[in-house]
Amino acid sequence: MKASKIHSKAILVTGCSSGIGEEISNYLRELGWNVFPTARSETDLQQLRLNGFDALRLDLCDSISIDNCVSGLIRKSPLGIGAIINNAGIAIPGAVEDLSRDDLRLQFEVNVFGLQELTNRFIPVFRDQGWGRIINISSMYGFLTGPKIGGYCASKYALEALSNAQRMELSDTGIALSLIEPGPILSSFRGNAYDNLQNRLSIDDHFYSDYKQAIKRKPAKPQTSSRFTLSPRYVAEKVLHAITSDHPKQRYLVTYPAYAGSLMSRFLPGFAVDYFMQKTVNL
């Protein structure tokens, strides 16, 4: 499909209150794309609208909210929908034995169930057009597992499995699906994870003292870019390739730790991977 026709189609980006989603939206809009960012809270929606976006409310835990978002986007996009970029996500840290059913459920509701329900609503639209792009923002924790983040890792493993299956199922439709697997990225995601840890903290947790120490270590200042922690612009650039290439990659790694982790997961024995993750993953 010609670039001019792609540009005329709408792009939905989820989880745009800050960080990766906000950067993807700004970057694509700068390049002339018709971007519709989403957020859950009214405060975040108002800020996106003040920044000139036609923002849509979306709560991935609510099927009615998903229906309203999809119907609203279709109504606002008479020239069609080019891509959906599934960025919204949540992490609730904690050892597996300390995670409640609700802790696990919420991570899967946002990172897997709601994401997939939203995506599936766009498949008929893409089929009718004969073209479409689905970009799922996963994580290096979609192929590596760390201690005390098992629930989040499990949700990303599930997302990767569903994405791999759906990519094959759509192989002859003109619809392409790509996974983006970042490592450390400058965003509020880590800070939000600390907040979620503090909100679920219980004296009955086996690792209660470890969690207390982790919360004390929460950075007081925003992170700064480094060799290993990159700006979200790097993710946005991978997204651009995934939506414009005639042959997008199945997966895009972002940051040196993600590349190193991918190699490690494929070539090192399990005990070595476990040892490395235990030494390096720190809440």
C-alpha atoms as a PDB file:
ATOM      1  CA  MET A   1       0.000   0.000   0.000  1.00  0.00           C
ATOM      2  CA  LYS A   2       1.317   3.463  -0.880  1.00  0.00           C
ATOM      3  CA  ALA A   3       2.596   5.564   2.016  1.00  0.00           C
ATOM      4  CA  SER A   4       0.134   8.384   1.306  1.00  0.00           C
ATOM      5  CA  LYS A   5      -2.792   6.011   1.690  1.00  0.00           C
ATOM      6  CA  ILE A   6      -1.387   4.569   4.892  1.00  0.00           C
ATOM      7  CA  HIS A   7      -0.894   8.045   6.361  1.00  0.00           C
ATOM      8  CA  SER A   8      -4.545   8.850   5.758  1.00  0.00           C
ATOM      9  CA  LYS A   9      -5.654   5.961   7.949  1.00  0.00           C
ATOM     10  CA  ALA A  10      -6.062   6.236  11.713  1.00  0.00           C
ATOM     11  CA  ILE A  11      -3.660   4.744  14.216  1.00  0.00           C
ATOM     12  CA  LEU A  12      -4.801   3.836  17.732  1.00  0.00           C
ATOM     13  CA  VAL A  13      -2.181   3.904  20.492  1.00  0.00           C
ATOM     14  CA  THR A  14      -3.122   2.608  23.947  1.00  0.00           C
ATOM     15  CA  GLY A  15      -1.671   3.667  27.301  1.00  0.00           C
ATOM     16  CA  CYS A  16      -0.640   7.208  26.389  1.00  0.00           C
ATOM     17  CA  SER A  17      -0.687   9.050  29.702  1.00  0.00           C
ATOM     18  CA  SER A  18       3.134   9.084  29.722  1.00  0.00           C
ATOM     19  CA  GLY A  19       6.258   7.239  28.656  1.00  0.00           C
ATOM     20  CA  ILE A  20       6.278   4.957  25.633  1.00  0.00           C
ATOM     21  CA  GLY A  21       2.664   5.511  24.559  1.00  0.00           C
ATOM     22  CA  GLU A  22       2.951   9.289  24.768  1.00  0.00           C
ATOM     23  CA  GLU A  23       6.217   9.249  22.805  1.00  0.00           C
ATOM     24  CA  ILE A  24       4.834   6.955  20.089  1.00  0.00           C
ATOM     25  CA  SER A  25       1.841   9.253  19.667  1.00  0.00           C
ATOM     26  CA  ASN A  26       3.953  12.407  19.473  1.00  0.00           C
ATOM     27  CA  TYR A  27       6.520  10.855  17.141  1.00  0.00           C
ATOM     28  CA  LEU A  28       3.995   9.501  14.659  1.00  0.00           C
ATOM     29  CA  ARG A  29       2.011  12.743  14.684  1.00  0.00           C
ATOM     30  CA  GLU A  30       5.218  14.698  13.955  1.00  0.00           C
ATOM     31  CA  LEU A  31       5.633  12.516  10.875  1.00  0.00           C
ATOM     32  CA  GLY A  32       2.102  13.255   9.653  1.00  0.00           C
ATOM     33  CA  TRP A  33       0.157  10.248  10.938  1.00  0.00           C
ATOM     34  CA  ASN A  34      -3.453  10.498  12.094  1.00  0.00           C
ATOM     35  CA  VAL A  35      -2.972   9.363  15.697  1.00  0.00           C
ATOM     36  CA  PHE A  36      -5.651   8.646  18.291  1.00  0.00           C
ATOM     37  CA  PRO A  37      -4.097   8.079  21.728  1.00  0.00           C
ATOM     38  CA  THR A  38      -6.018   6.513  24.603  1.00  0.00           C
ATOM     39  CA  ALA A  39      -5.954   6.879  28.367  1.00  0.00           C
ATOM     40  CA  ARG A  40      -8.109   5.701  31.232  1.00  0.00           C
ATOM     41  CA  SER A  41      -8.356   8.701  33.551  1.00  0.00           C
ATOM     42  CA  GLU A  42     -10.132  11.923  32.668  1.00  0.00           C
ATOM     43  CA  THR A  43      -7.119  13.949  33.826  1.00  0.00           C
ATOM     44  CA  ASP A  44      -4.840  12.181  31.345  1.00  0.00           C
ATOM     45  CA  LEU A  45      -7.406  12.499  28.578  1.00  0.00           C
ATOM     46  CA  GLN A  46      -7.695  16.236  29.161  1.00  0.00           C
ATOM     47  CA  GLN A  47      -3.911  16.614  29.006  1.00  0.00           C
ATOM     48  CA  LEU A  48      -3.746  14.727  25.714  1.00  0.00           C
ATOM     49  CA  ARG A  49      -6.504  16.923  24.325  1.00  0.00           C
ATOM     50  CA  LEU A  50      -4.674  20.050  25.474  1.00  0.00           C
ATOM     51  CA  ASN A  51      -1.726  18.733  23.479  1.00  0.00           C
ATOM     52  CA  GLY A  52      -3.900  18.659  20.374  1.00  0.00           C
ATOM     53  CA  PHE A  53      -4.885  15.002  20.226  1.00  0.00           C
ATOM     54  CA  ASP A  54      -8.359  13.601  19.717  1.00  0.00           C
ATOM     55  CA  ALA A  55      -7.926  11.250  22.664  1.00  0.00           C
ATOM     56  CA  LEU A  56     -10.236   8.327  23.386  1.00  0.00           C
ATOM     57  CA  ARG A  57     -11.079   6.858  26.769  1.00  0.00           C
ATOM     58  CA  LEU A  58     -10.112   3.210  27.158  1.00  0.00           C
ATOM     59  CA  ASP A  59     -10.201   0.908  30.161  1.00  0.00           C
ATOM     60  CA  LEU A  60      -8.933  -2.513  29.124  1.00  0.00           C
ATOM     61  CA  CYS A  61     -10.630  -4.126  32.128  1.00  0.00           C
ATOM     62  CA  ASP A  62     -14.048  -3.068  30.829  1.00  0.00           C
ATOM     63  CA  SER A  63     -15.568  -4.600  27.672  1.00  0.00           C
ATOM     64  CA  ILE A  64     -18.044  -1.733  27.346  1.00  0.00           C
ATOM     65  CA  SER A  65     -15.168   0.758  27.373  1.00  0.00           C
ATOM     66  CA  ILE A  66     -13.432  -1.294  24.676  1.00  0.00           C
ATOM     67  CA  ASP A  67     -16.606  -1.312  22.543  1.00  0.00           C
ATOM     68  CA  ASN A  68     -17.024   2.435  22.950  1.00  0.00           C
ATOM     69  CA  CYS A  69     -13.393   3.095  22.025  1.00  0.00           C
ATOM     70  CA  VAL A  70     -13.578   0.951  18.885  1.00  0.00           C
ATOM     71  CA  SER A  71     -16.885   2.388  17.702  1.00  0.00           C
ATOM     72  CA  GLY A  72     -15.637   5.913  18.408  1.00  0.00           C
ATOM     73  CA  LEU A  73     -12.469   5.362  16.397  1.00  0.00           C
ATOM     74  CA  ILE A  74     -14.371   3.858  13.461  1.00  0.00           C
ATOM     75  CA  ARG A  75     -16.753   6.808  13.499  1.00  0.00           C
ATOM     76  CA  LYS A  76     -13.851   9.282  13.471  1.00  0.00           C
ATOM     77  CA  SER A  77     -11.921   7.430  10.731  1.00  0.00           C
ATOM     78  CA  PRO A  78     -13.865   7.425   7.450  1.00  0.00           C
ATOM     79  CA  LEU A  79     -10.689   6.619   5.492  1.00  0.00           C
ATOM     80  CA  GLY A  80     -10.022   3.488   7.506  1.00  0.00           C
ATOM     81  CA  ILE A  81      -7.779   2.304  10.324  1.00  0.00           C
ATOM     82  CA  GLY A  82      -4.174   1.519   9.567  1.00  0.00           C
ATOM     83  CA  ALA A  83      -2.790   0.159  12.814  1.00  0.00           C
ATOM     84  CA  ILE A  84      -3.364  -0.558  16.464  1.00  0.00           C
ATOM     85  CA  ILE A  85      -0.422  -0.183  18.823  1.00  0.00           C
ATOM     86  CA  ASN A  86      -1.046  -2.062  22.059  1.00  0.00           C
ATOM     87  CA  ASN A  87       1.136  -0.317  24.603  1.00  0.00           C
ATOM     88  CA  ALA A  88      -0.979  -0.126  27.785  1.00  0.00           C
ATOM     89  CA  GLY A  89       0.285  -2.395  30.540  1.00  0.00           C
ATOM     90  CA  ILE A  90       0.614  -2.864  34.272  1.00  0.00           C
ATOM     91  CA  ALA A  91       3.125  -4.551  36.578  1.00  0.00           C
ATOM     92  CA  ILE A  92       2.427  -5.625  40.155  1.00  0.00           C
ATOM     93  CA  PRO A  93       5.718  -6.832  41.636  1.00  0.00           C
ATOM     94  CA  GLY A  94       5.849  -9.592  44.218  1.00  0.00           C
ATOM     95  CA  ALA A  95       7.079 -13.126  44.691  1.00  0.00           C
ATOM     96  CA  VAL A  96       4.689 -15.664  43.202  1.00  0.00           C
ATOM     97  CA  GLU A  97       3.704 -16.974  46.633  1.00  0.00           C
ATOM     98  CA  ASP A  98       2.806 -13.449  47.757  1.00  0.00           C
ATOM     99  CA  LEU A  99       0.668 -12.521  44.759  1.00  0.00           C
ATOM    100  CA  SER A 100      -3.063 -12.800  45.313  1.00  0.00           C
ATOM    101  CA  ARG A 101      -5.476 -14.028  42.694  1.00  0.00           C
ATOM    102  CA  ASP A 102      -6.551 -10.407  42.227  1.00  0.00           C
ATOM    103  CA  ASP A 103      -2.920  -9.331  41.676  1.00  0.00           C
ATOM    104  CA  LEU A 104      -2.500 -11.914  38.942  1.00  0.00           C
ATOM    105  CA  ARG A 105      -5.934 -11.280  37.459  1.00  0.00           C
ATOM    106  CA  LEU A 106      -5.406  -7.531  37.076  1.00  0.00           C
ATOM    107  CA  GLN A 107      -2.098  -7.997  35.237  1.00  0.00           C
ATOM    108  CA  PHE A 108      -3.673 -10.488  32.862  1.00  0.00           C
ATOM    109  CA  GLU A 109      -6.824  -8.384  32.400  1.00  0.00           C
ATOM    110  CA  VAL A 110      -4.778  -5.413  31.184  1.00  0.00           C
ATOM    111  CA  ASN A 111      -1.743  -7.048  29.572  1.00  0.00           C
ATOM    112  CA  VAL A 112      -3.506  -9.981  27.902  1.00  0.00           C
ATOM    113  CA  PHE A 113      -7.298 -10.271  28.024  1.00  0.00           C
ATOM    114  CA  GLY A 114      -8.234  -6.642  27.402  1.00  0.00           C
ATOM    115  CA  LEU A 115      -5.458  -6.187  24.855  1.00  0.00           C
ATOM    116  CA  GLN A 116      -6.599  -9.231  22.896  1.00  0.00           C
ATOM    117  CA  GLU A 117     -10.279  -8.303  23.070  1.00  0.00           C
ATOM    118  CA  LEU A 118      -9.455  -4.856  21.690  1.00  0.00           C
ATOM    119  CA  THR A 119      -7.258  -6.292  18.938  1.00  0.00           C
ATOM    120  CA  ASN A 120      -9.854  -8.828  17.864  1.00  0.00           C
ATOM    121  CA  ARG A 121     -12.401  -6.056  17.390  1.00  0.00           C
ATOM    122  CA  PHE A 122     -10.200  -4.576  14.651  1.00  0.00           C
ATOM    123  CA  ILE A 123      -9.514  -7.786  12.732  1.00  0.00           C
ATOM    124  CA  PRO A 124     -12.765  -7.609  10.654  1.00  0.00           C
ATOM    125  CA  VAL A 125     -11.955  -3.978   9.777  1.00  0.00           C
ATOM    126  CA  PHE A 126      -8.461  -4.923   8.648  1.00  0.00           C
ATOM    127  CA  ARG A 127      -9.760  -7.932   6.699  1.00  0.00           C
ATOM    128  CA  ASP A 128     -12.251  -5.760   4.807  1.00  0.00           C
ATOM    129  CA  GLN A 129      -9.455  -3.321   3.939  1.00  0.00           C
ATOM    130  CA  GLY A 130      -7.058  -6.122   3.015  1.00  0.00           C
ATOM    131  CA  TRP A 131      -4.397  -4.375   5.095  1.00  0.00           C
ATOM    132  CA  GLY A 132      -3.556  -3.584   8.692  1.00  0.00           C
ATOM    133  CA  ARG A 133      -0.827  -3.569  11.287  1.00  0.00           C
ATOM    134  CA  ILE A 134      -0.957  -4.874  14.846  1.00  0.00           C
ATOM    135  CA  ILE A 135       1.965  -3.919  17.077  1.00  0.00           C
ATOM    136  CA  ASN A 136       2.074  -5.429  20.552  1.00  0.00           C
ATOM    137  CA  ILE A 137       4.481  -3.808  22.988  1.00  0.00           C
ATOM    138  CA  SER A 138       5.812  -6.740  24.950  1.00  0.00           C
ATOM    139  CA  SER A 139       9.053  -6.774  26.962  1.00  0.00           C
ATOM    140  CA  MET A 140      12.317  -8.615  27.356  1.00  0.00           C
ATOM    141  CA  TYR A 141      10.339 -10.238  30.179  1.00  0.00           C
ATOM    142  CA  GLY A 142       8.322 -11.934  27.478  1.00  0.00           C
ATOM    143  CA  PHE A 143      11.249 -14.314  26.987  1.00  0.00           C
ATOM    144  CA  LEU A 144      13.135 -13.964  30.293  1.00  0.00           C
ATOM    145  CA  THR A 145      11.776 -14.382  33.813  1.00  0.00           C
ATOM    146  CA  GLY A 146      13.009 -12.545  36.879  1.00  0.00           C
ATOM    147  CA  PRO A 147      12.393 -13.085  40.586  1.00  0.00           C
ATOM    148  CA  LYS A 148       9.593 -11.108  42.241  1.00  0.00           C
ATOM    149  CA  ILE A 149       8.109 -10.062  38.885  1.00  0.00           C
ATOM    150  CA  GLY A 150       6.701 -13.465  37.950  1.00  0.00           C
ATOM    151  CA  GLY A 151       3.133 -12.273  37.459  1.00  0.00           C
ATOM    152  CA  TYR A 152       4.191  -9.589  35.006  1.00  0.00           C
ATOM    153  CA  CYS A 153       6.493 -12.010  33.167  1.00  0.00           C
ATOM    154  CA  ALA A 154       3.694 -14.575  32.938  1.00  0.00           C
ATOM    155  CA  SER A 155       1.392 -12.019  31.327  1.00  0.00           C
ATOM    156  CA  LYS A 156       4.052 -11.080  28.763  1.00  0.00           C
ATOM    157  CA  TYR A 157       4.797 -14.743  27.988  1.00  0.00           C
ATOM    158  CA  ALA A 158       1.061 -15.195  27.387  1.00  0.00           C
ATOM    159  CA  LEU A 159       0.955 -12.121  25.153  1.00  0.00           C
ATOM    160  CA  GLU A 160       3.852 -13.452  23.099  1.00  0.00           C
ATOM    161  CA  ALA A 161       2.181 -16.849  22.647  1.00  0.00           C
ATOM    162  CA  LEU A 162      -1.101 -15.290  21.513  1.00  0.00           C
ATOM    163  CA  SER A 163       0.773 -12.906  19.220  1.00  0.00           C
ATOM    164  CA  ASN A 164       2.752 -15.731  17.610  1.00  0.00           C
ATOM    165  CA  ALA A 165      -0.424 -17.728  17.005  1.00  0.00           C
ATOM    166  CA  GLN A 166      -2.379 -14.782  15.631  1.00  0.00           C
ATOM    167  CA  ARG A 167       0.469 -13.746  13.350  1.00  0.00           C
ATOM    168  CA  MET A 168       0.364 -17.182  11.696  1.00  0.00           C
ATOM    169  CA  GLU A 169      -3.434 -17.154  11.534  1.00  0.00           C
ATOM    170  CA  LEU A 170      -3.365 -13.817   9.683  1.00  0.00           C
ATOM    171  CA  SER A 171      -0.500 -14.703   7.353  1.00  0.00           C
ATOM    172  CA  ASP A 172      -2.568 -14.577   4.128  1.00  0.00           C
ATOM    173  CA  THR A 173      -4.765 -11.578   4.954  1.00  0.00           C
ATOM    174  CA  GLY A 174      -2.537  -8.540   4.414  1.00  0.00           C
ATOM    175  CA  ILE A 175      -2.542  -8.019   8.198  1.00  0.00           C
ATOM    176  CA  ALA A 176       0.878  -8.128   9.863  1.00  0.00           C
ATOM    177  CA  LEU A 177       1.539  -8.523  13.588  1.00  0.00           C
ATOM    178  CA  SER A 178       4.805  -7.527  15.247  1.00  0.00           C
ATOM    179  CA  LEU A 179       6.073  -7.771  18.807  1.00  0.00           C
ATOM    180  CA  ILE A 180       8.301  -5.074  20.245  1.00  0.00           C
ATOM    181  CA  GLU A 181      10.438  -6.238  23.167  1.00  0.00           C
ATOM    182  CA  PRO A 182      12.064  -3.355  25.060  1.00  0.00           C
ATOM    183  CA  GLY A 183      14.493  -3.567  27.903  1.00  0.00           C
ATOM    184  CA  PRO A 184      14.922  -0.585  30.258  1.00  0.00           C
ATOM    185  CA  ILE A 185      13.169   2.489  28.855  1.00  0.00           C
ATOM    186  CA  LEU A 186      12.824   5.939  30.402  1.00  0.00           C
ATOM    187  CA  SER A 187       9.207   6.103  31.575  1.00  0.00           C
ATOM    188  CA  SER A 188       7.018   6.168  34.649  1.00  0.00           C
ATOM    189  CA  PHE A 189       6.370   2.416  34.336  1.00  0.00           C
ATOM    190  CA  ARG A 190       8.931   1.400  36.968  1.00  0.00           C
ATOM    191  CA  GLY A 191       7.721   4.075  39.381  1.00  0.00           C
ATOM    192  CA  ASN A 192       4.132   2.919  38.891  1.00  0.00           C
ATOM    193  CA  ALA A 193       5.236  -0.649  39.630  1.00  0.00           C
ATOM    194  CA  TYR A 194       6.741   0.495  42.922  1.00  0.00           C
ATOM    195  CA  ASP A 195       3.459   2.229  43.741  1.00  0.00           C
ATOM    196  CA  ASN A 196       1.535  -0.960  42.951  1.00  0.00           C
ATOM    197  CA  LEU A 197       3.903  -2.911  45.195  1.00  0.00           C
ATOM    198  CA  GLN A 198       3.322  -0.499  48.041  1.00  0.00           C
ATOM    199  CA  ASN A 199      -0.449  -0.627  47.572  1.00  0.00           C
ATOM    200  CA  ARG A 200      -0.534  -4.438  47.821  1.00  0.00           C
ATOM    201  CA  LEU A 201       2.038  -4.701  50.636  1.00  0.00           C
ATOM    202  CA  SER A 202       1.000  -6.959  53.519  1.00  0.00           C
ATOM    203  CA  ILE A 203       2.770  -7.871  56.744  1.00  0.00           C
ATOM    204  CA  ASP A 204       1.833 -11.469  55.934  1.00  0.00           C
ATOM    205  CA  ASP A 205       3.968 -11.475  52.769  1.00  0.00           C
ATOM    206  CA  HIS A 206       6.862 -13.905  53.018  1.00  0.00           C
ATOM    207  CA  PHE A 207       9.195 -11.322  51.437  1.00  0.00           C
ATOM    208  CA  TYR A 208       7.721  -8.359  53.331  1.00  0.00           C
ATOM    209  CA  SER A 209      11.098  -7.002  54.475  1.00  0.00           C
ATOM    210  CA  ASP A 210      12.504  -7.248  50.930  1.00  0.00           C
ATOM    211  CA  TYR A 211       9.549  -5.281  49.579  1.00  0.00           C
ATOM    212  CA  LYS A 212      10.011  -2.599  52.223  1.00  0.00           C
ATOM    213  CA  GLN A 213      13.647  -2.220  51.211  1.00  0.00           C
ATOM    214  CA  ALA A 214      12.684  -2.097  47.539  1.00  0.00           C
ATOM    215  CA  ILE A 215      10.161   0.665  48.188  1.00  0.00           C
ATOM    216  CA  LYS A 216      12.847   2.656  50.027  1.00  0.00           C
ATOM    217  CA  ARG A 217      15.058   2.340  46.954  1.00  0.00           C
ATOM    218  CA  LYS A 218      12.417   3.836  44.679  1.00  0.00           C
ATOM    219  CA  PRO A 219      14.229   6.567  42.725  1.00  0.00           C
ATOM    220  CA  ALA A 220      13.418  10.036  44.011  1.00  0.00           C
ATOM    221  CA  LYS A 221      14.345  11.608  40.680  1.00  0.00           C
ATOM    222  CA  PRO A 222      13.415  10.625  37.143  1.00  0.00           C
ATOM    223  CA  GLN A 223      15.808   8.276  35.392  1.00  0.00           C
ATOM    224  CA  THR A 224      18.270   9.634  32.882  1.00  0.00           C
ATOM    225  CA  SER A 225      19.204   8.131  29.553  1.00  0.00           C
ATOM    226  CA  SER A 226      22.246   5.872  29.514  1.00  0.00           C
ATOM    227  CA  ARG A 227      23.855   3.179  27.420  1.00  0.00           C
ATOM    228  CA  PHE A 228      21.462   0.622  28.910  1.00  0.00           C
ATOM    229  CA  THR A 229      18.337   2.724  29.554  1.00  0.00           C
ATOM    230  CA  LEU A 230      17.076   4.422  26.431  1.00  0.00           C
ATOM    231  CA  SER A 231      14.562   7.115  25.561  1.00  0.00           C
ATOM    232  CA  PRO A 232      11.107   5.893  24.496  1.00  0.00           C
ATOM    233  CA  ARG A 233      11.878   7.449  21.101  1.00  0.00           C
ATOM    234  CA  TYR A 234      13.819   4.273  20.308  1.00  0.00           C
ATOM    235  CA  VAL A 235      10.635   2.254  20.758  1.00  0.00           C
ATOM    236  CA  ALA A 236       8.705   4.722  18.598  1.00  0.00           C
ATOM    237  CA  GLU A 237      11.235   4.274  15.795  1.00  0.00           C
ATOM    238  CA  LYS A 238      10.726   0.494  15.862  1.00  0.00           C
ATOM    239  CA  VAL A 239       6.970   1.060  15.728  1.00  0.00           C
ATOM    240  CA  LEU A 240       7.407   3.241  12.653  1.00  0.00           C
ATOM    241  CA  HIS A 241       9.266   0.456  10.858  1.00  0.00           C
ATOM    242  CA  ALA A 242       6.606  -2.078  11.837  1.00  0.00           C
ATOM    243  CA  ILE A 243       3.768   0.002  10.382  1.00  0.00           C
ATOM    244  CA  THR A 244       5.546   1.160   7.207  1.00  0.00           C
ATOM    245  CA  SER A 245       7.567  -1.844   6.071  1.00  0.00           C
ATOM    246  CA  ASP A 246       6.115  -4.136   3.441  1.00  0.00           C
ATOM    247  CA  HIS A 247       7.721  -6.952   5.400  1.00  0.00           C
ATOM    248  CA  PRO A 248       7.749  -5.971   9.092  1.00  0.00           C
ATOM    249  CA  LYS A 249       9.781  -8.071  11.482  1.00  0.00           C
ATOM    250  CA  GLN A 250       8.087 -10.577  13.746  1.00  0.00           C
ATOM    251  CA  ARG A 251       9.822  -8.994  16.739  1.00  0.00           C
ATOM    252  CA  TYR A 252      11.916  -5.909  17.436  1.00  0.00           C
ATOM    253  CA  LEU A 253      14.368  -5.776  20.331  1.00  0.00           C
ATOM    254  CA  VAL A 254      15.111  -2.418  21.986  1.00  0.00           C
ATOM    255  CA  THR A 255      18.126  -1.697  24.279  1.00  0.00           C
ATOM    256  CA  TYR A 256      21.345  -3.619  24.824  1.00  0.00           C
ATOM    257  CA  PRO A 257      19.917  -5.611  27.763  1.00  0.00           C
ATOM    258  CA  ALA A 258      17.117  -6.885  25.512  1.00  0.00           C
ATOM    259  CA  TYR A 259      19.575  -8.021  22.837  1.00  0.00           C
ATOM    260  CA  ALA A 260      21.837  -9.622  25.441  1.00  0.00           C
ATOM    261  CA  GLY A 261      18.881 -11.264  27.151  1.00  0.00           C
ATOM    262  CA  SER A 262      17.633 -12.718  23.877  1.00  0.00           C
ATOM    263  CA  LEU A 263      21.007 -14.308  23.193  1.00  0.00           C
ATOM    264  CA  MET A 264      21.302 -15.528  26.760  1.00  0.00           C
ATOM    265  CA  SER A 265      17.854 -17.141  26.739  1.00  0.00           C
ATOM    266  CA  ARG A 266      18.701 -19.057  23.563  1.00  0.00           C
ATOM    267  CA  PHE A 267      22.264 -20.153  24.190  1.00  0.00           C
ATOM    268  CA  LEU A 268      22.937 -20.396  27.933  1.00  0.00           C
ATOM    269  CA  PRO A 269      21.852 -23.377  30.046  1.00  0.00           C
ATOM    270  CA  GLY A 270      18.900 -22.808  32.352  1.00  0.00           C
ATOM    271  CA  PHE A 271      20.918 -22.706  35.578  1.00  0.00           C
ATOM    272  CA  ALA A 272      23.143 -19.951  34.139  1.00  0.00           C
ATOM    273  CA  VAL A 273      20.131 -17.877  33.089  1.00  0.00           C
ATOM    274  CA  ASP A 274      18.606 -18.309  36.561  1.00  0.00           C
ATOM    275  CA  TYR A 275      21.854 -17.245  38.234  1.00  0.00           C
ATOM    276  CA  PHE A 276      22.181 -14.153  36.048  1.00  0.00           C
ATOM    277  CA  MET A 277      18.581 -13.080  36.567  1.00  0.00           C
ATOM    278  CA  GLN A 278      18.801 -13.550  40.336  1.00  0.00           C
ATOM    279  CA  LYS A 279      21.906 -11.367  40.420  1.00  0.00           C
ATOM    280  CA  THR A 280      20.662  -8.612  38.132  1.00  0.00           C
ATOM    281  CA  VAL A 281      16.914  -8.221  38.631  1.00  0.00           C
ATOM    282  CA  ASN A 282      16.355  -5.840  41.527  1.00  0.00           C
ATOM    283  CA  LEU A 283      13.019  -4.317  42.408  1.00  0.00           C
END
